[in-house]
Protein backbone atom coordinates (compact mmCIF):
# COMPACT_ATOMS: atom_id res chain seq x y z
CA MET A 1 2.22 -21.56 -7.74
CA ILE A 2 4.73 -24.11 -9.07
CA THR A 3 6.11 -24.90 -12.45
CA SER A 4 6.38 -28.58 -13.34
CA THR A 5 9.56 -29.43 -15.21
CA GLY A 6 9.36 -33.17 -15.01
CA ALA A 7 7.75 -36.10 -13.30
CA SER A 8 9.65 -35.59 -10.05
CA SER A 9 10.99 -32.02 -10.07
CA PHE A 10 9.46 -28.58 -9.72
CA ILE A 11 10.43 -24.98 -8.93
CA PRO A 12 8.42 -23.47 -6.04
CA ARG A 13 7.25 -19.91 -6.50
CA VAL A 14 7.05 -17.59 -3.48
CA PHE A 15 7.08 -13.99 -4.67
CA ASN A 16 5.13 -12.21 -7.37
CA LYS A 17 6.20 -11.73 -10.96
CA GLU A 18 8.58 -14.64 -11.07
CA ASN A 19 6.32 -16.33 -13.60
CA GLN A 20 3.31 -15.54 -15.70
CA GLY A 21 0.25 -17.53 -16.65
CA HIS A 22 -1.90 -20.18 -15.05
CA GLN A 23 -0.19 -22.56 -12.64
CA ILE A 24 -1.44 -25.92 -11.39
CA GLN A 25 -0.25 -27.70 -8.26
CA LYS A 26 -1.28 -31.11 -7.00
CA GLY A 27 -0.46 -33.59 -4.26
CA ASP A 28 2.95 -33.51 -2.63
CA HIS A 29 4.13 -30.78 -4.98
CA ALA A 30 1.43 -28.42 -3.72
CA ARG A 31 2.11 -29.33 -0.09
CA LEU A 32 5.86 -28.87 -0.39
CA SER A 33 5.37 -25.58 -2.23
CA SER A 34 3.34 -24.25 0.71
CA PHE A 35 6.00 -25.34 3.19
CA ILE A 36 8.81 -23.75 1.20
CA GLY A 37 6.92 -20.47 0.75
CA ALA A 38 6.09 -20.09 4.45
CA ILE A 39 9.59 -21.05 5.59
CA ALA A 40 11.15 -18.61 3.10
CA VAL A 41 9.14 -15.72 4.57
CA ALA A 42 10.11 -16.75 8.13
CA ASP A 43 13.79 -16.93 7.18
CA LEU A 44 13.51 -13.50 5.55
CA VAL A 45 12.61 -11.73 8.79
CA LYS A 46 14.48 -14.02 11.20
CA THR A 47 17.72 -12.02 10.88
CA THR A 48 16.03 -8.89 12.30
CA LEU A 49 15.48 -10.49 15.72
CA GLY A 50 17.59 -9.94 18.82
CA PRO A 51 19.97 -7.20 20.00
CA LYS A 52 22.25 -7.92 17.02
CA GLY A 53 19.40 -8.12 14.53
CA MET A 54 19.98 -6.40 11.22
CA ASP A 55 17.79 -3.82 9.51
CA LYS A 56 16.37 -4.45 6.06
CA MET A 57 16.59 -1.91 3.25
CA LEU A 58 13.46 -2.09 1.13
CA VAL A 59 13.59 -0.33 -2.24
CA SER A 60 10.40 0.08 -4.23
CA ALA A 61 10.21 1.79 -7.61
CA GLY A 62 7.28 3.97 -8.56
CA PRO A 63 6.26 6.70 -11.00
CA GLY A 64 7.66 9.36 -8.70
CA GLY A 65 11.00 7.61 -8.27
CA SER A 66 12.30 4.92 -5.94
CA ASN A 67 11.25 4.82 -2.30
CA VAL A 68 13.72 3.46 0.29
CA VAL A 69 12.61 2.18 3.70
CA VAL A 70 15.07 0.96 6.35
CA THR A 71 13.39 -1.01 9.15
CA ASN A 72 13.59 -4.12 11.31
CA ASP A 73 9.85 -4.27 12.01
CA GLY A 74 8.42 -7.55 10.75
CA ALA A 75 5.01 -6.15 9.81
CA THR A 76 6.55 -3.29 7.83
CA ILE A 77 8.90 -5.63 5.95
CA LEU A 78 6.15 -8.08 5.04
CA LYS A 79 3.81 -5.27 3.93
CA LYS A 80 6.35 -4.09 1.39
CA ILE A 81 7.08 -7.50 -0.12
CA PRO A 82 4.74 -8.85 -2.83
CA VAL A 83 4.01 -12.44 -1.77
CA ASP A 84 2.27 -14.90 -4.09
CA ASN A 85 2.46 -18.15 -2.14
CA PRO A 86 -0.79 -18.89 -0.21
CA ALA A 87 0.99 -20.22 2.90
CA ALA A 88 3.35 -17.24 2.89
CA LYS A 89 0.34 -14.92 2.68
CA ILE A 90 -1.04 -16.52 5.85
CA LEU A 91 2.18 -15.66 7.70
CA VAL A 92 1.93 -12.08 6.43
CA ASN A 93 -1.64 -11.89 7.75
CA ILE A 94 -0.51 -13.28 11.10
CA SER A 95 2.05 -10.49 11.35
CA MET A 96 -0.55 -7.83 10.46
CA THR A 97 -2.99 -9.17 13.05
CA GLN A 98 -0.29 -9.16 15.72
CA ASP A 99 0.55 -5.56 14.82
CA ASP A 100 -3.10 -4.47 15.05
CA GLU A 101 -3.96 -6.34 18.25
CA VAL A 102 -0.73 -6.08 20.26
CA GLY A 103 1.62 -3.72 18.43
CA ASP A 104 4.71 -5.82 19.10
CA GLY A 105 6.01 -9.30 18.34
CA THR A 106 5.29 -9.08 14.62
CA THR A 107 8.55 -10.79 13.71
CA SER A 108 8.41 -13.35 16.51
CA VAL A 109 5.04 -14.79 15.49
CA VAL A 110 6.22 -15.26 11.90
CA VAL A 111 9.46 -16.94 12.98
CA LEU A 112 7.61 -19.21 15.44
CA ALA A 113 5.04 -20.22 12.81
CA GLY A 114 7.84 -20.80 10.28
CA GLU A 115 9.72 -23.11 12.66
CA LEU A 116 6.56 -25.08 13.42
CA LEU A 117 6.01 -25.55 9.70
CA ARG A 118 9.66 -26.55 9.24
CA GLU A 119 9.17 -29.40 11.72
CA ALA A 120 5.76 -30.24 10.27
CA GLU A 121 7.40 -30.67 6.86
CA LYS A 122 9.55 -33.49 8.23
CA LEU A 123 6.59 -35.16 9.94
CA THR A 124 4.35 -34.89 6.89
CA LEU A 125 6.64 -35.64 3.98
CA MET A 126 9.14 -37.99 5.61
CA MET A 127 7.21 -39.75 8.38
CA LYS A 128 3.90 -39.58 6.46
CA LEU A 129 1.89 -38.35 9.46
CA HIS A 130 -1.53 -36.92 8.69
CA PRO A 131 -1.77 -33.11 9.14
CA GLN A 132 -4.69 -33.52 11.57
CA THR A 133 -2.52 -35.69 13.79
CA ILE A 134 0.16 -33.00 13.86
CA ILE A 135 -2.42 -30.31 14.65
CA ARG A 136 -3.78 -32.34 17.57
CA GLY A 137 -0.25 -32.54 18.95
CA TRP A 138 0.20 -28.78 18.59
CA ARG A 139 -3.06 -28.09 20.40
CA THR A 140 -1.99 -30.33 23.27
CA ALA A 141 1.38 -28.55 23.40
CA LEU A 142 -0.41 -25.19 23.38
CA GLN A 143 -2.50 -26.11 26.40
CA ILE A 144 0.55 -27.42 28.28
CA SER A 145 2.46 -24.22 27.48
CA LYS A 146 -0.40 -22.02 28.68
CA ASN A 147 -0.66 -23.95 31.94
CA ALA A 148 3.09 -23.63 32.49
CA LEU A 149 2.96 -19.87 31.91
CA GLU A 150 0.02 -19.46 34.29
CA VAL A 151 1.93 -21.33 37.00
CA CYS A 152 4.99 -19.09 36.50
CA ALA A 153 3.00 -15.84 36.23
CA VAL A 154 3.20 -13.28 39.06
CA ASP A 155 0.44 -10.69 39.58
CA ASN A 156 1.74 -7.47 41.15
CA LYS A 157 -1.46 -5.48 40.58
CA SER A 158 -1.95 -4.95 44.31
CA ASP A 159 1.58 -3.52 44.76
CA GLU A 160 1.77 -0.21 42.92
CA LYS A 161 5.58 -0.01 42.85
CA LYS A 162 6.11 -3.55 41.61
CA PHE A 163 3.30 -3.18 39.08
CA LYS A 164 4.85 -0.04 37.64
CA LYS A 165 8.25 -1.74 37.52
CA ASP A 166 6.74 -4.61 35.53
CA LEU A 167 5.20 -2.14 33.09
CA LEU A 168 8.54 -0.38 32.68
CA ASN A 169 10.26 -3.68 31.91
CA ILE A 170 7.62 -4.51 29.30
CA ALA A 171 7.98 -1.05 27.72
CA ARG A 172 11.78 -1.32 27.61
CA THR A 173 11.58 -4.73 25.94
CA THR A 174 9.13 -3.46 23.32
CA LEU A 175 11.05 -0.27 22.56
CA SER A 176 14.50 -1.89 22.51
CA SER A 177 14.21 -2.64 18.80
CA LYS A 178 12.75 0.74 17.83
CA ILE A 179 14.46 3.94 16.76
CA VAL A 180 14.04 5.42 20.27
CA THR A 181 16.39 2.83 21.75
CA THR A 182 18.99 5.57 22.44
CA GLU A 183 16.52 7.14 24.89
CA LEU A 184 15.03 3.87 26.07
CA ALA A 185 14.46 4.72 29.75
CA PHE A 186 12.94 8.13 28.93
CA PHE A 187 10.37 6.82 26.45
CA ALA A 188 9.56 3.74 28.54
CA GLN A 189 8.67 6.04 31.43
CA LEU A 190 6.64 8.25 29.08
CA CYS A 191 4.62 5.28 27.77
CA VAL A 192 3.95 3.85 31.23
CA ASP A 193 2.77 7.22 32.57
CA ALA A 194 0.41 7.60 29.61
CA VAL A 195 -1.10 4.13 30.11
CA LEU A 196 -1.50 4.60 33.87
CA ARG A 197 -3.51 7.77 33.27
CA LEU A 198 -6.16 5.64 31.55
CA LYS A 199 -6.94 4.22 35.02
CA GLY A 200 -7.41 0.65 33.87
CA SER A 201 -9.12 1.39 30.54
CA ILE A 202 -7.83 -0.51 27.52
CA ASP A 203 -8.98 2.12 25.03
CA LEU A 204 -5.61 3.27 23.69
CA ASP A 205 -7.35 5.63 21.27
CA MET A 206 -7.63 8.00 24.21
CA ILE A 207 -3.86 8.52 23.98
CA GLN A 208 -3.18 11.07 21.25
CA ILE A 209 0.27 11.24 19.66
CA ILE A 210 1.18 14.53 17.99
CA LYS A 211 4.34 14.67 15.87
CA LYS A 212 6.27 17.89 15.30
CA GLN A 213 9.44 18.46 13.31
CA GLY A 214 12.51 19.84 15.01
CA GLY A 215 13.99 19.42 18.48
CA THR A 216 15.42 16.28 20.00
CA MET A 217 13.75 13.08 21.19
CA ARG A 218 14.06 14.28 24.79
CA ASP A 219 11.89 17.28 23.93
CA SER A 220 8.93 14.88 23.82
CA PHE A 221 6.54 15.24 26.74
CA LEU A 222 3.26 13.94 28.13
CA ASP A 223 0.47 16.39 28.90
CA SER A 224 -3.09 16.10 30.14
CA GLY A 225 -6.13 17.25 28.25
CA PHE A 226 -6.95 17.29 24.58
CA ILE A 227 -5.03 19.19 21.90
CA LEU A 228 -6.55 20.18 18.57
CA ASP A 229 -3.82 21.55 16.36
CA LYS A 230 -5.94 24.26 14.71
CA ASN A 231 -6.22 28.04 14.86
CA PHE A 232 -9.12 30.29 15.81
CA GLY A 233 -10.67 32.65 13.34
CA LEU A 234 -9.27 36.12 12.80
CA SER A 235 -9.30 38.46 15.85
CA MET A 236 -10.86 35.86 18.17
CA LYS A 237 -9.61 35.24 21.69
CA THR A 238 -7.79 31.99 22.29
CA GLU A 239 -8.37 31.19 25.96
CA TYR A 240 -11.63 30.27 27.67
CA LYS A 241 -12.61 29.12 31.15
CA ASN A 242 -15.22 26.41 31.49
CA PRO A 243 -16.58 27.05 27.96
CA ARG A 244 -19.70 25.59 26.37
CA ILE A 245 -18.50 23.94 23.17
CA MET A 246 -20.35 22.76 20.11
CA VAL A 247 -18.57 20.44 17.70
CA SER A 248 -20.27 20.19 14.35
CA ASN A 249 -20.03 18.54 10.98
CA THR A 250 -22.01 20.89 8.78
CA GLY A 251 -21.42 23.09 5.75
CA MET A 252 -20.67 26.67 6.79
CA ASP A 253 -19.68 27.78 3.32
CA THR A 254 -22.05 29.64 1.00
CA ASP A 255 -25.12 27.47 0.53
CA LYS A 256 -25.43 26.43 -3.09
CA ILE A 257 -27.76 24.21 -5.06
CA LYS A 258 -26.39 20.71 -4.41
CA ILE A 259 -27.34 19.31 -7.81
CA TRP A 260 -24.70 18.44 -10.35
CA GLY A 261 -25.12 20.32 -13.58
CA ALA A 262 -27.57 22.87 -12.14
CA ARG A 263 -27.24 26.35 -13.60
CA VAL A 264 -28.77 29.71 -12.71
CA LYS A 265 -29.19 32.30 -15.48
CA VAL A 266 -29.44 36.00 -14.65
CA HIS A 267 -29.91 39.02 -16.84
CA SER A 268 -28.35 41.74 -14.69
CA MET A 269 -25.98 42.30 -11.77
CA ASP A 270 -28.98 43.28 -9.64
CA GLU A 271 -30.28 39.73 -9.90
CA VAL A 272 -26.83 38.42 -8.89
CA ALA A 273 -26.95 40.70 -5.84
CA GLU A 274 -30.38 39.33 -4.93
CA ILE A 275 -29.06 35.75 -5.09
CA GLU A 276 -26.10 36.66 -2.86
CA LYS A 277 -28.45 38.40 -0.45
CA ALA A 278 -30.64 35.27 -0.24
CA GLU A 279 -27.57 33.09 0.38
CA LYS A 280 -26.43 35.39 3.18
CA ALA A 281 -29.87 35.34 4.74
CA LYS A 282 -29.90 31.56 4.70
CA MET A 283 -26.46 31.38 6.28
CA LYS A 284 -27.41 33.95 8.95
CA LYS A 285 -30.43 31.86 9.84
CA LYS A 286 -28.20 28.83 10.39
CA VAL A 287 -25.73 30.85 12.50
CA ASP A 288 -28.60 32.23 14.60
CA LYS A 289 -29.76 28.67 15.32
CA ILE A 290 -26.25 27.82 16.51
CA LEU A 291 -25.94 30.95 18.67
CA GLN A 292 -29.30 30.39 20.36
CA HIS A 293 -27.68 27.60 22.40
CA ASN A 294 -25.42 30.12 24.20
CA ILE A 295 -22.16 28.45 23.20
CA ASP A 296 -18.68 29.89 23.71
CA ILE A 297 -16.80 27.89 21.05
CA PHE A 298 -17.96 26.45 17.74
CA ILE A 299 -15.74 23.82 16.12
CA ASN A 300 -16.62 22.60 12.65
CA ARG A 301 -15.15 19.72 10.71
CA GLN A 302 -15.85 21.53 7.44
CA LEU A 303 -15.00 25.00 6.14
CA ILE A 304 -16.31 28.17 7.76
CA TYR A 305 -16.52 31.03 5.25
CA ASP A 306 -15.80 34.66 6.05
CA TYR A 307 -19.41 35.73 6.53
CA PRO A 308 -20.38 33.15 9.21
CA GLU A 309 -16.99 33.69 10.86
CA GLU A 310 -17.78 37.40 11.05
CA LEU A 311 -21.15 36.62 12.66
CA PHE A 312 -19.49 34.39 15.27
CA ARG A 313 -16.90 37.08 16.00
CA GLU A 314 -19.58 39.74 16.49
CA ALA A 315 -21.40 37.42 18.90
CA GLY A 316 -18.21 36.79 20.91
CA VAL A 317 -18.06 33.10 19.93
CA GLY A 318 -14.75 31.51 18.96
CA SER A 319 -14.78 29.37 15.83
CA ILE A 320 -12.42 26.76 14.41
CA GLU A 321 -12.75 25.24 10.95
CA HIS A 322 -11.42 22.08 9.31
CA ALA A 323 -11.10 20.15 12.57
CA ASP A 324 -9.89 16.71 11.52
CA PHE A 325 -12.29 13.79 11.89
CA ASP A 326 -10.13 11.78 14.33
CA GLY A 327 -9.68 14.81 16.56
CA VAL A 328 -13.39 15.56 16.59
CA GLU A 329 -14.26 11.96 17.41
CA ARG A 330 -11.72 11.79 20.24
CA LEU A 331 -12.89 15.12 21.61
CA ALA A 332 -16.49 13.95 21.57
CA ARG A 333 -15.50 10.99 23.71
CA VAL A 334 -13.50 13.17 26.10
CA LEU A 335 -16.43 15.53 26.67
CA ASP A 336 -19.18 12.89 26.52
CA ALA A 337 -20.88 14.92 23.78
CA GLU A 338 -22.20 14.30 20.29
CA ILE A 339 -21.34 15.76 16.90
CA CYS A 340 -24.08 18.10 15.63
CA SER A 341 -25.31 18.32 12.09
CA THR A 342 -28.63 20.11 12.83
CA PHE A 343 -29.19 22.73 15.49
CA ASP A 344 -32.91 22.90 16.31
CA SER A 345 -32.54 20.86 19.49
CA VAL A 346 -29.25 20.37 21.35
CA GLU A 347 -28.94 18.83 24.81
CA LYS A 348 -26.69 20.20 27.52
CA GLY A 349 -23.71 18.03 28.29
CA LYS A 350 -22.22 17.25 31.68
CA SER A 351 -19.39 19.47 32.84
CA SER A 352 -16.00 17.91 33.40
CA LYS A 353 -12.83 19.33 34.86
CA ASP A 354 -9.21 18.73 34.13
CA ASN A 355 -7.94 16.13 36.57
CA ASP A 356 -4.44 17.53 36.91
CA ASP A 357 -4.76 21.30 37.05
CA GLY A 358 -7.20 24.15 36.69
CA LYS A 359 -5.89 25.34 33.34
CA GLN A 360 -8.40 24.97 30.59
CA GLU A 361 -7.55 26.05 27.09
CA GLU A 362 -9.93 26.04 24.20
CA LYS A 363 -7.69 23.76 22.19
CA ASP A 364 -8.19 21.13 24.85
CA ASN A 365 -11.96 21.47 24.65
CA LYS A 366 -14.38 20.18 22.12
CA ASP A 367 -17.94 19.12 22.02
CA LYS A 368 -19.84 16.59 20.17
CA ALA A 369 -23.00 17.15 18.34
CA SER A 370 -25.16 15.05 16.13
CA THR A 371 -28.59 15.19 14.64
CA ALA A 372 -29.77 14.78 18.22
CA GLY A 373 -26.89 16.96 19.37
CA LYS A 374 -25.34 17.42 22.75
CA LEU A 375 -23.11 20.22 23.99
CA GLY A 376 -19.87 19.64 25.85
CA ARG A 377 -18.22 21.54 28.65
CA LEU A 378 -14.79 21.23 30.23
């Protein structure tokens, strides 16, 4: 981490590839190296804070050419920078944790930690205070700060108008440093409306964000229900009312021997035809098991080949293939269903209705099934 050049001098190393080979650090040199590394990272992102904060241009070279990222988000900046100093790595991890748990304040936590370490450097190296003594002081200060904040805090949960105003202020503060700052009021209102529809739940995974190219930022909108951005099979209807839906994760392609290196030898085209006939019979048996549950829509995470799609179409059942995993999981939670992989026994799920209007489109419906499957219904 440091390179010794004499009895009383050294060069601290913060970022990767500044030096090669094994490095040894001891005593005050090691301690000062950690301080310098952490403070350097804090100073790096400090200039992005505030209304006059500057963006950083990050250029990374790769086999496909250079990649340029312009951002003022602390977590994004620290992700892109190769850090070698152990203390600096801790600050990077703090920023990542803040991003995962809260989603905002990634730069602030790094700057705050960096300033605390800057003061701790003076206390440790100049005043010779033991680190544990400094930590005890910080813990006392933390408790005093928390008590002060609790005394100043105002709870407007009982007043709907004031509560919504508080949420709007929080959303504006968070979005003020993002690219949507030109439409700050519009997107703050959009975010608050989305959170209020959760009715007190903290499960933000229930809010689905779909990105589409084209249009302006004001073309963004909030809608109820669930959207799966997939198409139905050929010549299938696209609208259903109160459908029974089965969501599955099973192979609907031509069943083959699932053994690597297996080979089937035939001596005539008649034998090939017999193999294809057996494969079709096996697939038809699986489709019949699915259809015996009187479903209206079948959604599969894997491929659906032409033959099973034809069988679904003849039975009047809509089918969708290649439904993404996140969409299927979210849909299963919306419909209180389970993802099916076998179809001998499937329970009936509870029916649920759209809370805002009577429109029910198939794309907003999906069911979960599992080995002990369960159908869903909107």
